[in-house]
Amino acid sequence: MNFKITYLIGACLFFATAAHAQVDTIFTNNEKIACNVKEVTADAVKYVYPNEDVINTVYKNTIYKIAFKSGRTQTFAEQTNFKELKSVEDFDMIAIAHVEAETNGLFKLDAVSAKAKGTTVYSSMTRVKERAYKKLKICGAMNGANLIYLTQNLTEGNRYGSQYTPGSSTETNVAGVAYSNKLPNAKKFETLTAGQKIFVANVMYKLGDSDPDYTKSQTNVALEIQEVLNEGGLIFLVGKLDGEKTTKFRVSYLTDNSFSIVFKTKSAIYSYSFNVDAI
């Protein structure tokens, strides 16, 4: 009897391994795709699912590697261009894209913008521009992005006044769209929170419209979650945050023991971080 059981288990494992070896496996940011790879182009990989004829496409900048059924493994340099941010403080790791094609396969988060202005007509245009880009990256980091596609980049130089016209200092306005190559996982968030409804924030980040930099402060603000929504892969929380009129927040960061939310008001963007055991 024991011999038969051992034989059956061994046979099952053999056939399962053999079946797995008959397909290619694409490893993306969020999943493993068992398929048959048909073509690797300059910016994408085309594949079909087993026993299907429909050709699917996945962009290379979302792929870590492909394990082919032949035993060969191919990795992709496009994926390594994206840095994994842990919090708002990692804003300088955000990449700036000037070509929209660089966002193929990425997840769109939100529109971002920033501006900076010199204090006098003798202000450095380079430094003002650097301040604007820094603030744009902070906006992106608030949203949990690691890439911003730049859609606007306007800089006006210093204008010296005269007896009849006032002068003006240099100003830079930049705008774009925040993207990420990986979203917080809804199932992981569900497991982490385990039905818990009230959480207490330990850190708050704020960036006002006229602020040159973010502020960070310790806090004990409570969040009461009334509903969790999944909108196109983005996790939204509907609920009450002490002292705020806003009732809908997006999960921007997610770790094994914490999560962060982001939301906007008329004059600022906020990010709150929560340790799950801080109740």
C-alpha atoms as a PDB file:
ATOM      1  CA  MET A   1       0.000   0.000   0.000  1.00  0.00           C
ATOM      2  CA  ASN A   2       2.792   2.424   0.967  1.00  0.00           C
ATOM      3  CA  PHE A   3       4.612   1.581  -2.248  1.00  0.00           C
ATOM      4  CA  LYS A   4       1.519   2.427  -4.319  1.00  0.00           C
ATOM      5  CA  ILE A   5       1.011   5.751  -2.527  1.00  0.00           C
ATOM      6  CA  THR A   6       4.662   6.675  -2.990  1.00  0.00           C
ATOM      7  CA  TYR A   7       4.455   5.715  -6.653  1.00  0.00           C
ATOM      8  CA  LEU A   8       1.324   7.814  -7.230  1.00  0.00           C
ATOM      9  CA  ILE A   9       2.824  10.857  -5.521  1.00  0.00           C
ATOM     10  CA  GLY A  10       5.999  10.500  -7.552  1.00  0.00           C
ATOM     11  CA  ALA A  11       4.030  10.147 -10.778  1.00  0.00           C
ATOM     12  CA  CYS A  12       1.976  13.270 -10.004  1.00  0.00           C
ATOM     13  CA  LEU A  13       5.083  15.297  -9.298  1.00  0.00           C
ATOM     14  CA  PHE A  14       6.724  14.048 -12.481  1.00  0.00           C
ATOM     15  CA  PHE A  15       3.785  14.968 -14.705  1.00  0.00           C
ATOM     16  CA  ALA A  16       3.321  18.336 -12.979  1.00  0.00           C
ATOM     17  CA  THR A  17       6.986  19.149 -13.528  1.00  0.00           C
ATOM     18  CA  ALA A  18       6.829  17.945 -17.109  1.00  0.00           C
ATOM     19  CA  ALA A  19       3.743  20.022 -17.812  1.00  0.00           C
ATOM     20  CA  HIS A  20       5.363  23.106 -16.269  1.00  0.00           C
ATOM     21  CA  ALA A  21       8.482  22.562 -18.364  1.00  0.00           C
ATOM     22  CA  GLN A  22       6.408  22.649 -21.556  1.00  0.00           C
ATOM     23  CA  VAL A  23       5.621  26.353 -21.177  1.00  0.00           C
ATOM     24  CA  ASP A  24       7.580  29.564 -20.822  1.00  0.00           C
ATOM     25  CA  THR A  25       7.132  31.709 -17.704  1.00  0.00           C
ATOM     26  CA  ILE A  26       7.129  35.502 -17.782  1.00  0.00           C
ATOM     27  CA  PHE A  27       7.864  37.149 -14.425  1.00  0.00           C
ATOM     28  CA  THR A  28       6.311  40.626 -14.250  1.00  0.00           C
ATOM     29  CA  ASN A  29       5.931  43.128 -11.408  1.00  0.00           C
ATOM     30  CA  ASN A  30       2.724  41.549 -10.121  1.00  0.00           C
ATOM     31  CA  GLU A  31       2.388  38.057 -11.530  1.00  0.00           C
ATOM     32  CA  LYS A  32       3.874  35.000 -13.211  1.00  0.00           C
ATOM     33  CA  ILE A  33       2.480  34.225 -16.648  1.00  0.00           C
ATOM     34  CA  ALA A  34       2.655  30.607 -17.852  1.00  0.00           C
ATOM     35  CA  CYS A  35       2.556  30.863 -21.634  1.00  0.00           C
ATOM     36  CA  ASN A  36       4.328  30.317 -24.926  1.00  0.00           C
ATOM     37  CA  VAL A  37       6.471  33.296 -25.903  1.00  0.00           C
ATOM     38  CA  LYS A  38       6.072  34.109 -29.600  1.00  0.00           C
ATOM     39  CA  GLU A  39       8.236  37.185 -30.069  1.00  0.00           C
ATOM     40  CA  VAL A  40      10.475  39.598 -28.173  1.00  0.00           C
ATOM     41  CA  THR A  41      10.386  43.025 -29.830  1.00  0.00           C
ATOM     42  CA  ALA A  42      12.250  46.226 -29.049  1.00  0.00           C
ATOM     43  CA  ASP A  43       9.779  47.236 -26.331  1.00  0.00           C
ATOM     44  CA  ALA A  44       7.446  44.292 -25.705  1.00  0.00           C
ATOM     45  CA  VAL A  45       7.012  40.542 -25.449  1.00  0.00           C
ATOM     46  CA  LYS A  46       4.240  38.767 -27.351  1.00  0.00           C
ATOM     47  CA  TYR A  47       2.835  35.495 -26.046  1.00  0.00           C
ATOM     48  CA  VAL A  48      -0.120  33.115 -26.146  1.00  0.00           C
ATOM     49  CA  TYR A  49      -1.669  31.127 -23.328  1.00  0.00           C
ATOM     50  CA  PRO A  50      -1.519  27.310 -23.617  1.00  0.00           C
ATOM     51  CA  ASN A  51      -4.192  25.942 -25.956  1.00  0.00           C
ATOM     52  CA  GLU A  52      -5.095  29.436 -27.189  1.00  0.00           C
ATOM     53  CA  ASP A  53      -4.322  31.373 -30.359  1.00  0.00           C
ATOM     54  CA  VAL A  54      -4.896  34.969 -29.227  1.00  0.00           C
ATOM     55  CA  ILE A  55      -1.638  36.923 -29.064  1.00  0.00           C
ATOM     56  CA  ASN A  56      -1.138  38.986 -25.893  1.00  0.00           C
ATOM     57  CA  THR A  57       1.437  41.708 -25.306  1.00  0.00           C
ATOM     58  CA  VAL A  58       3.311  42.795 -22.180  1.00  0.00           C
ATOM     59  CA  TYR A  59       5.795  45.667 -22.182  1.00  0.00           C
ATOM     60  CA  LYS A  60       9.412  44.891 -21.357  1.00  0.00           C
ATOM     61  CA  ASN A  61       9.681  47.593 -18.704  1.00  0.00           C
ATOM     62  CA  THR A  62       7.284  45.551 -16.524  1.00  0.00           C
ATOM     63  CA  ILE A  63       9.177  42.253 -16.944  1.00  0.00           C
ATOM     64  CA  TYR A  64      11.900  41.031 -14.615  1.00  0.00           C
ATOM     65  CA  LYS A  65      12.772  37.889 -16.538  1.00  0.00           C
ATOM     66  CA  ILE A  66      11.533  35.081 -18.752  1.00  0.00           C
ATOM     67  CA  ALA A  67      12.222  31.445 -17.927  1.00  0.00           C
ATOM     68  CA  PHE A  68      12.000  29.601 -21.231  1.00  0.00           C
ATOM     69  CA  LYS A  69      10.974  25.952 -21.435  1.00  0.00           C
ATOM     70  CA  SER A  70      14.366  25.253 -22.986  1.00  0.00           C
ATOM     71  CA  GLY A  71      15.956  26.082 -19.638  1.00  0.00           C
ATOM     72  CA  ARG A  72      17.337  29.466 -20.712  1.00  0.00           C
ATOM     73  CA  THR A  73      16.569  32.562 -18.621  1.00  0.00           C
ATOM     74  CA  GLN A  74      16.487  36.076 -20.073  1.00  0.00           C
ATOM     75  CA  THR A  75      16.530  39.169 -17.856  1.00  0.00           C
ATOM     76  CA  PHE A  76      15.530  42.684 -18.894  1.00  0.00           C
ATOM     77  CA  ALA A  77      17.516  45.836 -18.240  1.00  0.00           C
ATOM     78  CA  GLU A  78      14.402  47.992 -18.675  1.00  0.00           C
ATOM     79  CA  GLN A  79      13.056  46.820 -15.317  1.00  0.00           C
ATOM     80  CA  THR A  80      16.211  47.784 -13.405  1.00  0.00           C
ATOM     81  CA  ASN A  81      15.762  51.441 -14.384  1.00  0.00           C
ATOM     82  CA  PHE A  82      12.980  51.782 -11.786  1.00  0.00           C
ATOM     83  CA  LYS A  83      13.905  52.342  -8.166  1.00  0.00           C
ATOM     84  CA  GLU A  84      11.702  51.103  -5.346  1.00  0.00           C
ATOM     85  CA  LEU A  85      10.770  53.972  -3.055  1.00  0.00           C
ATOM     86  CA  LYS A  86      10.032  53.229   0.596  1.00  0.00           C
ATOM     87  CA  SER A  87       8.569  56.604   1.540  1.00  0.00           C
ATOM     88  CA  VAL A  88       8.245  60.259   0.536  1.00  0.00           C
ATOM     89  CA  GLU A  89      11.821  60.811   1.670  1.00  0.00           C
ATOM     90  CA  ASP A  90      13.098  58.757  -1.288  1.00  0.00           C
ATOM     91  CA  PHE A  91      11.775  61.358  -3.762  1.00  0.00           C
ATOM     92  CA  ASP A  92      15.164  61.880  -5.402  1.00  0.00           C
ATOM     93  CA  MET A  93      15.040  58.291  -6.721  1.00  0.00           C
ATOM     94  CA  ILE A  94      12.155  59.146  -9.065  1.00  0.00           C
ATOM     95  CA  ALA A  95      12.993  59.043 -12.770  1.00  0.00           C
ATOM     96  CA  ILE A  96      11.847  61.737 -15.204  1.00  0.00           C
ATOM     97  CA  ALA A  97      10.606  60.567 -18.613  1.00  0.00           C
ATOM     98  CA  HIS A  98      10.474  62.931 -21.591  1.00  0.00           C
ATOM     99  CA  VAL A  99       8.989  60.399 -24.032  1.00  0.00           C
ATOM    100  CA  GLU A 100       5.514  58.996 -23.429  1.00  0.00           C
ATOM    101  CA  ALA A 101       6.514  55.571 -24.722  1.00  0.00           C
ATOM    102  CA  GLU A 102       8.609  55.147 -21.575  1.00  0.00           C
ATOM    103  CA  THR A 103       5.359  54.797 -19.611  1.00  0.00           C
ATOM    104  CA  ASN A 104       4.133  51.783 -21.595  1.00  0.00           C
ATOM    105  CA  GLY A 105       2.997  49.078 -19.207  1.00  0.00           C
ATOM    106  CA  LEU A 106       3.239  51.307 -16.136  1.00  0.00           C
ATOM    107  CA  PHE A 107       0.414  52.207 -13.779  1.00  0.00           C
ATOM    108  CA  LYS A 108      -0.930  55.762 -13.964  1.00  0.00           C
ATOM    109  CA  LEU A 109      -1.403  57.341 -10.547  1.00  0.00           C
ATOM    110  CA  ASP A 110      -2.174  61.060 -10.748  1.00  0.00           C
ATOM    111  CA  ALA A 111      -1.268  64.390 -12.322  1.00  0.00           C
ATOM    112  CA  VAL A 112       1.504  66.326 -10.586  1.00  0.00           C
ATOM    113  CA  SER A 113       2.822  69.868 -10.942  1.00  0.00           C
ATOM    114  CA  ALA A 114       5.197  72.319  -9.295  1.00  0.00           C
ATOM    115  CA  LYS A 115       6.593  75.797  -9.703  1.00  0.00           C
ATOM    116  CA  ALA A 116       9.455  77.805  -8.314  1.00  0.00           C
ATOM    117  CA  LYS A 117      10.282  81.488  -8.560  1.00  0.00           C
ATOM    118  CA  GLY A 118      13.383  83.482  -7.869  1.00  0.00           C
ATOM    119  CA  THR A 119      13.395  86.072  -5.103  1.00  0.00           C
ATOM    120  CA  THR A 120      15.079  88.826  -7.150  1.00  0.00           C
ATOM    121  CA  VAL A 121      15.857  89.626 -10.789  1.00  0.00           C
ATOM    122  CA  TYR A 122      19.366  88.349 -10.088  1.00  0.00           C
ATOM    123  CA  SER A 123      18.199  84.845  -9.105  1.00  0.00           C
ATOM    124  CA  SER A 124      19.903  81.869 -10.749  1.00  0.00           C
ATOM    125  CA  MET A 125      17.702  80.265 -13.410  1.00  0.00           C
ATOM    126  CA  THR A 126      19.442  76.926 -12.852  1.00  0.00           C
ATOM    127  CA  ARG A 127      18.746  76.891  -9.128  1.00  0.00           C
ATOM    128  CA  VAL A 128      15.123  77.919  -9.595  1.00  0.00           C
ATOM    129  CA  LYS A 129      14.641  75.129 -12.114  1.00  0.00           C
ATOM    130  CA  GLU A 130      16.252  72.633  -9.739  1.00  0.00           C
ATOM    131  CA  ARG A 131      13.841  73.694  -6.993  1.00  0.00           C
ATOM    132  CA  ALA A 132      10.853  73.171  -9.301  1.00  0.00           C
ATOM    133  CA  TYR A 133      12.026  69.681 -10.294  1.00  0.00           C
ATOM    134  CA  LYS A 134      12.666  68.774  -6.651  1.00  0.00           C
ATOM    135  CA  LYS A 135       9.126  69.771  -5.714  1.00  0.00           C
ATOM    136  CA  LEU A 136       7.725  67.821  -8.691  1.00  0.00           C
ATOM    137  CA  LYS A 137       9.542  64.701  -7.509  1.00  0.00           C
ATOM    138  CA  ILE A 138       8.223  65.196  -3.983  1.00  0.00           C
ATOM    139  CA  CYS A 139       4.683  65.301  -5.414  1.00  0.00           C
ATOM    140  CA  GLY A 140       5.430  62.069  -7.233  1.00  0.00           C
ATOM    141  CA  ALA A 141       6.820  60.419  -4.103  1.00  0.00           C
ATOM    142  CA  MET A 142       3.729  61.492  -2.152  1.00  0.00           C
ATOM    143  CA  ASN A 143       1.721  59.509  -4.722  1.00  0.00           C
ATOM    144  CA  GLY A 144       3.935  56.436  -4.479  1.00  0.00           C
ATOM    145  CA  ALA A 145       5.377  56.945  -7.968  1.00  0.00           C
ATOM    146  CA  ASN A 146       8.832  56.092  -9.221  1.00  0.00           C
ATOM    147  CA  LEU A 147       8.532  57.775 -12.624  1.00  0.00           C
ATOM    148  CA  ILE A 148       7.068  61.068 -13.818  1.00  0.00           C
ATOM    149  CA  TYR A 149       6.272  61.659 -17.476  1.00  0.00           C
ATOM    150  CA  LEU A 150       6.977  65.347 -18.049  1.00  0.00           C
ATOM    151  CA  THR A 151       4.239  67.123 -20.023  1.00  0.00           C
ATOM    152  CA  GLN A 152       5.159  70.755 -19.321  1.00  0.00           C
ATOM    153  CA  ASN A 153       8.472  72.487 -18.740  1.00  0.00           C
ATOM    154  CA  LEU A 154       8.312  76.282 -18.942  1.00  0.00           C
ATOM    155  CA  THR A 155      11.021  78.627 -17.725  1.00  0.00           C
ATOM    156  CA  GLU A 156      10.981  82.390 -17.955  1.00  0.00           C
ATOM    157  CA  GLY A 157      14.189  84.284 -17.397  1.00  0.00           C
ATOM    158  CA  ASN A 158      14.790  87.343 -15.270  1.00  0.00           C
ATOM    159  CA  ARG A 159      13.331  90.546 -16.662  1.00  0.00           C
ATOM    160  CA  TYR A 160      15.029  93.724 -15.624  1.00  0.00           C
ATOM    161  CA  GLY A 161      12.748  96.662 -15.071  1.00  0.00           C
ATOM    162  CA  SER A 162      13.089 100.241 -16.160  1.00  0.00           C
ATOM    163  CA  GLN A 163      11.880 103.584 -15.025  1.00  0.00           C
ATOM    164  CA  TYR A 164       8.454 102.742 -16.450  1.00  0.00           C
ATOM    165  CA  THR A 165       8.114  98.933 -16.173  1.00  0.00           C
ATOM    166  CA  PRO A 166       8.711  96.679 -13.175  1.00  0.00           C
ATOM    167  CA  GLY A 167      11.125  93.770 -13.390  1.00  0.00           C
ATOM    168  CA  SER A 168      10.328  90.123 -12.665  1.00  0.00           C
ATOM    169  CA  SER A 169      12.432  87.243 -11.420  1.00  0.00           C
ATOM    170  CA  THR A 170      12.924  83.919 -13.194  1.00  0.00           C
ATOM    171  CA  GLU A 171      10.181  81.306 -12.801  1.00  0.00           C
ATOM    172  CA  THR A 172       9.844  77.630 -13.721  1.00  0.00           C
ATOM    173  CA  ASN A 173       6.582  75.718 -14.083  1.00  0.00           C
ATOM    174  CA  VAL A 174       6.675  71.945 -14.548  1.00  0.00           C
ATOM    175  CA  ALA A 175       3.866  69.399 -14.782  1.00  0.00           C
ATOM    176  CA  GLY A 176       3.489  65.743 -15.573  1.00  0.00           C
ATOM    177  CA  VAL A 177       1.848  62.436 -14.776  1.00  0.00           C
ATOM    178  CA  ALA A 178       3.015  60.185 -11.953  1.00  0.00           C
ATOM    179  CA  TYR A 179       3.476  56.469 -12.740  1.00  0.00           C
ATOM    180  CA  SER A 180       4.665  53.379 -10.931  1.00  0.00           C
ATOM    181  CA  ASN A 181       5.852  50.044 -12.251  1.00  0.00           C
ATOM    182  CA  LYS A 182       4.266  48.282  -9.271  1.00  0.00           C
ATOM    183  CA  LEU A 183       1.102  48.926  -7.267  1.00  0.00           C
ATOM    184  CA  PRO A 184       0.305  48.047  -3.651  1.00  0.00           C
ATOM    185  CA  ASN A 185      -1.227  44.570  -3.708  1.00  0.00           C
ATOM    186  CA  ALA A 186      -4.903  44.439  -2.729  1.00  0.00           C
ATOM    187  CA  LYS A 187      -4.700  40.920  -1.286  1.00  0.00           C
ATOM    188  CA  LYS A 188      -1.637  41.848   0.746  1.00  0.00           C
ATOM    189  CA  PHE A 189      -3.464  44.906   2.107  1.00  0.00           C
ATOM    190  CA  GLU A 190      -6.469  42.759   3.032  1.00  0.00           C
ATOM    191  CA  THR A 191      -4.220  40.268   4.820  1.00  0.00           C
ATOM    192  CA  LEU A 192      -2.286  43.015   6.585  1.00  0.00           C
ATOM    193  CA  THR A 193      -5.333  44.852   7.903  1.00  0.00           C
ATOM    194  CA  ALA A 194      -7.273  41.636   8.630  1.00  0.00           C
ATOM    195  CA  GLY A 195     -10.617  43.387   8.939  1.00  0.00           C
ATOM    196  CA  GLN A 196      -9.307  46.025  11.326  1.00  0.00           C
ATOM    197  CA  LYS A 197     -11.132  49.327  10.902  1.00  0.00           C
ATOM    198  CA  ILE A 198      -9.220  51.879  12.985  1.00  0.00           C
ATOM    199  CA  PHE A 199      -5.552  52.756  12.575  1.00  0.00           C
ATOM    200  CA  VAL A 200      -3.401  55.474  14.115  1.00  0.00           C
ATOM    201  CA  ALA A 201      -0.906  57.359  11.962  1.00  0.00           C
ATOM    202  CA  ASN A 202       2.629  57.842  13.256  1.00  0.00           C
ATOM    203  CA  VAL A 203       4.055  60.135  10.547  1.00  0.00           C
ATOM    204  CA  MET A 204       2.558  62.882   8.391  1.00  0.00           C
ATOM    205  CA  TYR A 205       4.115  64.498   5.296  1.00  0.00           C
ATOM    206  CA  LYS A 206       2.737  67.738   3.896  1.00  0.00           C
ATOM    207  CA  LEU A 207       3.595  69.731   0.786  1.00  0.00           C
ATOM    208  CA  GLY A 208       1.766  73.018   0.380  1.00  0.00           C
ATOM    209  CA  ASP A 209       1.258  74.677  -2.986  1.00  0.00           C
ATOM    210  CA  SER A 210       3.620  77.505  -2.046  1.00  0.00           C
ATOM    211  CA  ASP A 211       6.046  75.410   0.020  1.00  0.00           C
ATOM    212  CA  PRO A 212       9.539  74.803  -1.404  1.00  0.00           C
ATOM    213  CA  ASP A 213       9.883  71.471   0.438  1.00  0.00           C
ATOM    214  CA  TYR A 214       7.817  68.943   2.370  1.00  0.00           C
ATOM    215  CA  THR A 215       7.408  68.955   6.124  1.00  0.00           C
ATOM    216  CA  LYS A 216       7.495  65.820   8.235  1.00  0.00           C
ATOM    217  CA  SER A 217       5.911  65.547  11.661  1.00  0.00           C
ATOM    218  CA  GLN A 218       4.996  62.902  14.221  1.00  0.00           C
ATOM    219  CA  THR A 219       1.269  62.443  14.690  1.00  0.00           C
ATOM    220  CA  ASN A 220      -1.372  60.255  16.299  1.00  0.00           C
ATOM    221  CA  VAL A 221      -4.265  60.990  13.953  1.00  0.00           C
ATOM    222  CA  ALA A 222      -6.810  58.169  13.715  1.00  0.00           C
ATOM    223  CA  LEU A 223      -8.190  56.758  10.467  1.00  0.00           C
ATOM    224  CA  GLU A 224     -11.480  54.870  10.447  1.00  0.00           C
ATOM    225  CA  ILE A 225     -11.898  52.729   7.329  1.00  0.00           C
ATOM    226  CA  GLN A 226     -15.498  52.322   6.231  1.00  0.00           C
ATOM    227  CA  GLU A 227     -14.930  50.770   2.814  1.00  0.00           C
ATOM    228  CA  VAL A 228     -12.054  49.479   0.685  1.00  0.00           C
ATOM    229  CA  LEU A 229     -12.302  49.994  -3.073  1.00  0.00           C
ATOM    230  CA  ASN A 230     -10.235  48.551  -5.899  1.00  0.00           C
ATOM    231  CA  GLU A 231     -10.378  50.909  -8.864  1.00  0.00           C
ATOM    232  CA  GLY A 232      -8.285  49.703 -11.773  1.00  0.00           C
ATOM    233  CA  GLY A 233      -5.748  48.141  -9.433  1.00  0.00           C
ATOM    234  CA  LEU A 234      -5.536  51.235  -7.213  1.00  0.00           C
ATOM    235  CA  ILE A 235      -6.597  50.736  -3.587  1.00  0.00           C
ATOM    236  CA  PHE A 236      -8.860  53.474  -2.222  1.00  0.00           C
ATOM    237  CA  LEU A 237     -10.078  53.785   1.351  1.00  0.00           C
ATOM    238  CA  VAL A 238     -13.351  55.487   2.173  1.00  0.00           C
ATOM    239  CA  GLY A 239     -13.557  56.680   5.736  1.00  0.00           C
ATOM    240  CA  LYS A 240     -12.809  59.369   8.287  1.00  0.00           C
ATOM    241  CA  LEU A 241      -9.444  60.898   9.116  1.00  0.00           C
ATOM    242  CA  ASP A 242      -9.441  63.041  12.254  1.00  0.00           C
ATOM    243  CA  GLY A 243      -9.421  66.747  11.421  1.00  0.00           C
ATOM    244  CA  GLU A 244      -9.879  66.302   7.655  1.00  0.00           C
ATOM    245  CA  LYS A 245     -12.897  66.889   5.443  1.00  0.00           C
ATOM    246  CA  THR A 246     -11.597  64.501   2.783  1.00  0.00           C
ATOM    247  CA  THR A 247     -13.213  61.057   2.965  1.00  0.00           C
ATOM    248  CA  LYS A 248     -11.450  59.152   0.189  1.00  0.00           C
ATOM    249  CA  PHE A 249      -7.783  58.229   0.324  1.00  0.00           C
ATOM    250  CA  ARG A 250      -5.489  56.166  -1.891  1.00  0.00           C
ATOM    251  CA  VAL A 251      -2.993  53.641  -0.549  1.00  0.00           C
ATOM    252  CA  SER A 252       0.383  54.814  -1.840  1.00  0.00           C
ATOM    253  CA  TYR A 253       2.824  52.527  -0.011  1.00  0.00           C
ATOM    254  CA  LEU A 254       2.465  49.048   1.463  1.00  0.00           C
ATOM    255  CA  THR A 255       4.987  47.006   3.451  1.00  0.00           C
ATOM    256  CA  ASP A 256       4.770  43.886   5.602  1.00  0.00           C
ATOM    257  CA  ASN A 257       3.731  45.909   8.649  1.00  0.00           C
ATOM    258  CA  SER A 258       2.626  49.351   7.473  1.00  0.00           C
ATOM    259  CA  PHE A 259       0.800  51.323   4.805  1.00  0.00           C
ATOM    260  CA  SER A 260       0.580  54.940   3.682  1.00  0.00           C
ATOM    261  CA  ILE A 261      -2.242  56.991   2.198  1.00  0.00           C
ATOM    262  CA  VAL A 262      -2.237  60.098   0.023  1.00  0.00           C
ATOM    263  CA  PHE A 263      -4.846  62.776  -0.626  1.00  0.00           C
ATOM    264  CA  LYS A 264      -5.105  66.350  -1.865  1.00  0.00           C
ATOM    265  CA  THR A 265      -6.819  69.453  -0.581  1.00  0.00           C
ATOM    266  CA  LYS A 266      -7.192  72.813  -2.299  1.00  0.00           C
ATOM    267  CA  SER A 267      -3.850  74.014  -0.977  1.00  0.00           C
ATOM    268  CA  ALA A 268      -1.695  70.961  -0.228  1.00  0.00           C
ATOM    269  CA  ILE A 269      -0.986  67.276  -0.701  1.00  0.00           C
ATOM    270  CA  TYR A 270      -0.723  64.992   2.340  1.00  0.00           C
ATOM    271  CA  SER A 271       0.694  61.561   3.064  1.00  0.00           C
ATOM    272  CA  TYR A 272       0.052  59.664   6.316  1.00  0.00           C
ATOM    273  CA  SER A 273       1.900  56.519   7.369  1.00  0.00           C
ATOM    274  CA  PHE A 274       0.345  53.861   9.609  1.00  0.00           C
ATOM    275  CA  ASN A 275       1.906  51.008  11.533  1.00  0.00           C
ATOM    276  CA  VAL A 276      -0.662  48.239  11.636  1.00  0.00           C
ATOM    277  CA  ASP A 277      -0.001  47.390  15.284  1.00  0.00           C
ATOM    278  CA  ALA A 278      -0.394  51.066  16.329  1.00  0.00           C
ATOM    279  CA  ILE A 279      -4.018  51.017  17.508  1.00  0.00           C
END
